Amino acid sequence: MPTHDHENGTEHTVDLLCQLVQLEYDTMAAYRAAIGRVDSTDARAELALFFDHHEATAKALASCIDRYGGAARSGTDLDQAWNRGRVALADLADDHSLLEALAHLEDDIHTAYERAQSDLRAVGDPPLASAVESALAAEEFHREWLRHAS
C-alpha cells in the first residue's frame, strides 16, 4: 500500500496534469476559433497543425493521468473551452491581432510547462517527462512561428 506522502505526491501530479490538459483544451479552443477567422490560407494551415500538436499533447497527458489512477477532463470541458475560445477572440479584427493573441497565449502555455517540468522532475516518470519535453518543444516552435507571422 502506498504511503501517505506517495499518495499526496500522486494526487499533486494528477492535479497538475489535469490543469495542463485543461490548458490544452483552452488552447485548442483558441486555435479552432482563430482558424475560422484568419484570412491567410497559409496561416490557417499552420494554425491547424498547431491545433493538432495541442490535441496530441492533451492525449499524451491524459494517458499519463490514467496511469496515475486519475481521470482526465471530459469532453464537456472541451465544449466549454471552445465557447470561451470563440468569445476570447471575438473582438480581434484582423490576422495580425489574432496571431499576436495566440503568440501571447503560447507564451503563457510555455511558462506553465516550464513550471510543470520543474515540479514533475522528482516524479521520475520517463513517459511523463517525454510528454512535457515534447510539449515544450512544440510551444517553442509555435511561439517562434507566431512571432514572425504577426
Protein backbone atom coordinates (compact mmCIF):
# COMPACT_ATOMS: atom_id res chain seq x y z
CA MET A 1 0.00 0.00 0.00
CA PRO A 2 1.43 3.46 -0.89
CA THR A 3 2.47 5.76 1.87
CA HIS A 4 0.52 8.92 2.61
CA ASP A 5 3.36 11.00 1.12
CA HIS A 6 3.27 8.92 -2.06
CA GLU A 7 -0.50 9.39 -2.30
CA ASN A 8 -0.12 13.16 -1.84
CA GLY A 9 2.62 13.22 -4.49
CA THR A 10 0.47 11.24 -6.90
CA GLU A 11 -2.52 13.46 -6.20
CA HIS A 12 -0.38 16.55 -6.85
CA THR A 13 0.90 15.02 -10.10
CA VAL A 14 -2.63 14.19 -11.29
CA ASP A 15 -3.89 17.66 -10.35
CA LEU A 16 -1.03 19.31 -12.23
CA LEU A 17 -1.58 17.12 -15.28
CA CYS A 18 -5.33 17.84 -15.22
CA GLN A 19 -4.54 21.56 -15.19
CA LEU A 20 -2.26 21.10 -18.20
CA VAL A 21 -4.93 19.13 -20.07
CA GLN A 22 -7.43 21.91 -19.39
CA LEU A 23 -4.87 24.43 -20.64
CA GLU A 24 -4.52 22.34 -23.80
CA TYR A 25 -8.31 22.33 -24.24
CA ASP A 26 -8.42 26.10 -23.81
CA THR A 27 -5.61 26.50 -26.33
CA MET A 28 -7.27 24.17 -28.82
CA ALA A 29 -10.40 26.28 -28.46
CA ALA A 30 -8.49 29.45 -29.24
CA TYR A 31 -6.89 27.82 -32.28
CA ARG A 32 -10.22 26.49 -33.51
CA ALA A 33 -11.72 29.97 -33.23
CA ALA A 34 -8.72 31.57 -34.95
CA ILE A 35 -8.71 29.02 -37.80
CA GLY A 36 -12.28 30.00 -38.56
CA ARG A 37 -11.44 33.70 -38.64
CA VAL A 38 -7.98 34.09 -40.12
CA ASP A 39 -7.89 35.20 -43.75
CA SER A 40 -4.49 33.83 -44.77
CA THR A 41 -4.63 30.30 -46.17
CA ASP A 42 -1.01 29.69 -45.11
CA ALA A 43 -1.71 30.87 -41.56
CA ARG A 44 -4.86 28.76 -41.40
CA ALA A 45 -2.88 25.65 -42.37
CA GLU A 46 -0.19 26.37 -39.78
CA LEU A 47 -2.77 27.00 -37.06
CA ALA A 48 -4.46 23.70 -37.91
CA LEU A 49 -1.10 21.97 -37.45
CA PHE A 50 -0.65 23.69 -34.09
CA PHE A 51 -4.16 22.59 -33.10
CA ASP A 52 -3.12 19.00 -33.89
CA HIS A 53 0.01 19.40 -31.73
CA HIS A 54 -2.10 20.57 -28.78
CA GLU A 55 -4.57 17.74 -29.29
CA ALA A 56 -1.75 15.16 -29.31
CA THR A 57 -0.29 16.70 -26.15
CA ALA A 58 -3.68 16.57 -24.41
CA LYS A 59 -3.97 12.87 -25.32
CA ALA A 60 -0.45 12.11 -24.09
CA LEU A 61 -1.10 13.87 -20.79
CA ALA A 62 -4.47 12.12 -20.40
CA SER A 63 -2.67 8.81 -20.83
CA CYS A 64 -0.29 9.79 -18.03
CA ILE A 65 -3.23 10.79 -15.84
CA ASP A 66 -4.81 7.39 -16.45
CA ARG A 67 -1.59 5.62 -15.42
CA TYR A 68 -1.67 7.53 -12.13
CA GLY A 69 -5.26 6.48 -11.47
CA GLY A 70 -6.75 9.88 -12.20
CA ALA A 71 -9.42 10.91 -14.64
CA ALA A 72 -8.70 13.38 -17.43
CA ARG A 73 -11.18 16.16 -18.09
CA SER A 74 -14.26 15.27 -20.08
CA GLY A 75 -15.50 16.37 -23.47
CA THR A 76 -17.87 18.75 -21.68
CA ASP A 77 -14.82 20.69 -20.54
CA LEU A 78 -13.63 20.83 -24.14
CA ASP A 79 -17.02 22.15 -25.31
CA GLN A 80 -16.90 24.86 -22.64
CA ALA A 81 -13.34 25.74 -23.67
CA TRP A 82 -14.42 26.06 -27.31
CA ASN A 83 -17.11 28.52 -26.29
CA ARG A 84 -14.57 30.52 -24.24
CA GLY A 85 -12.16 30.49 -27.19
CA ARG A 86 -14.77 31.94 -29.52
CA VAL A 87 -15.60 34.67 -27.02
CA ALA A 88 -11.93 35.48 -26.29
CA LEU A 89 -11.12 36.07 -29.97
CA ALA A 90 -14.42 37.67 -30.99
CA ASP A 91 -13.15 41.25 -30.74
CA LEU A 92 -9.97 40.71 -32.74
CA ALA A 93 -10.44 42.18 -36.18
CA ASP A 94 -7.51 41.06 -38.33
CA ASP A 95 -4.97 38.29 -38.85
CA HIS A 96 -2.23 40.28 -37.13
CA SER A 97 -4.31 40.68 -33.96
CA LEU A 98 -5.36 37.02 -33.96
CA LEU A 99 -1.81 35.76 -34.40
CA GLU A 100 -0.49 38.16 -31.79
CA ALA A 101 -3.10 36.96 -29.29
CA LEU A 102 -2.12 33.35 -30.00
CA ALA A 103 1.56 34.23 -29.52
CA HIS A 104 0.76 35.61 -26.06
CA LEU A 105 -1.26 32.50 -25.28
CA GLU A 106 1.68 30.32 -26.32
CA ASP A 107 3.97 32.36 -24.05
CA ASP A 108 1.67 31.60 -21.12
CA ILE A 109 1.50 27.91 -22.02
CA HIS A 110 5.26 27.69 -22.32
CA THR A 111 5.62 29.18 -18.85
CA ALA A 112 3.10 26.68 -17.46
CA TYR A 113 5.04 23.76 -18.96
CA GLU A 114 8.34 25.07 -17.64
CA ARG A 115 6.85 25.21 -14.14
CA ALA A 116 5.29 21.77 -14.54
CA GLN A 117 8.59 20.33 -15.75
CA SER A 118 10.27 21.65 -12.64
CA ASP A 119 7.50 20.27 -10.37
CA LEU A 120 7.41 16.89 -12.11
CA ARG A 121 11.16 16.35 -12.28
CA ALA A 122 11.07 14.49 -8.93
CA VAL A 123 8.40 12.07 -10.18
CA GLY A 124 10.94 10.16 -12.30
CA ASP A 125 8.44 9.05 -14.95
CA PRO A 126 10.11 8.85 -18.40
CA PRO A 127 6.85 8.89 -20.46
CA LEU A 128 5.64 11.88 -18.48
CA ALA A 129 8.98 13.67 -18.85
CA SER A 130 8.89 12.96 -22.58
CA ALA A 131 5.34 14.33 -22.91
CA VAL A 132 6.30 17.54 -21.11
CA GLU A 133 9.53 17.92 -23.11
CA SER A 134 7.61 17.41 -26.37
CA ALA A 135 5.04 19.98 -25.30
CA LEU A 136 7.77 22.49 -24.51
CA ALA A 137 9.44 21.92 -27.89
CA ALA A 138 6.12 22.36 -29.69
CA GLU A 139 5.38 25.53 -27.71
CA GLU A 140 8.75 26.95 -28.66
CA PHE A 141 8.08 26.24 -32.33
CA HIS A 142 4.57 27.72 -32.13
CA ARG A 143 5.80 30.86 -30.36
CA GLU A 144 8.57 31.41 -32.88
CA TRP A 145 6.28 30.98 -35.88
CA LEU A 146 3.58 33.23 -34.41
CA ARG A 147 6.09 35.97 -33.56
CA HIS A 148 7.32 36.04 -37.14
CA ALA A 149 3.87 35.76 -38.67
CA SER A 150 2.23 38.54 -36.66
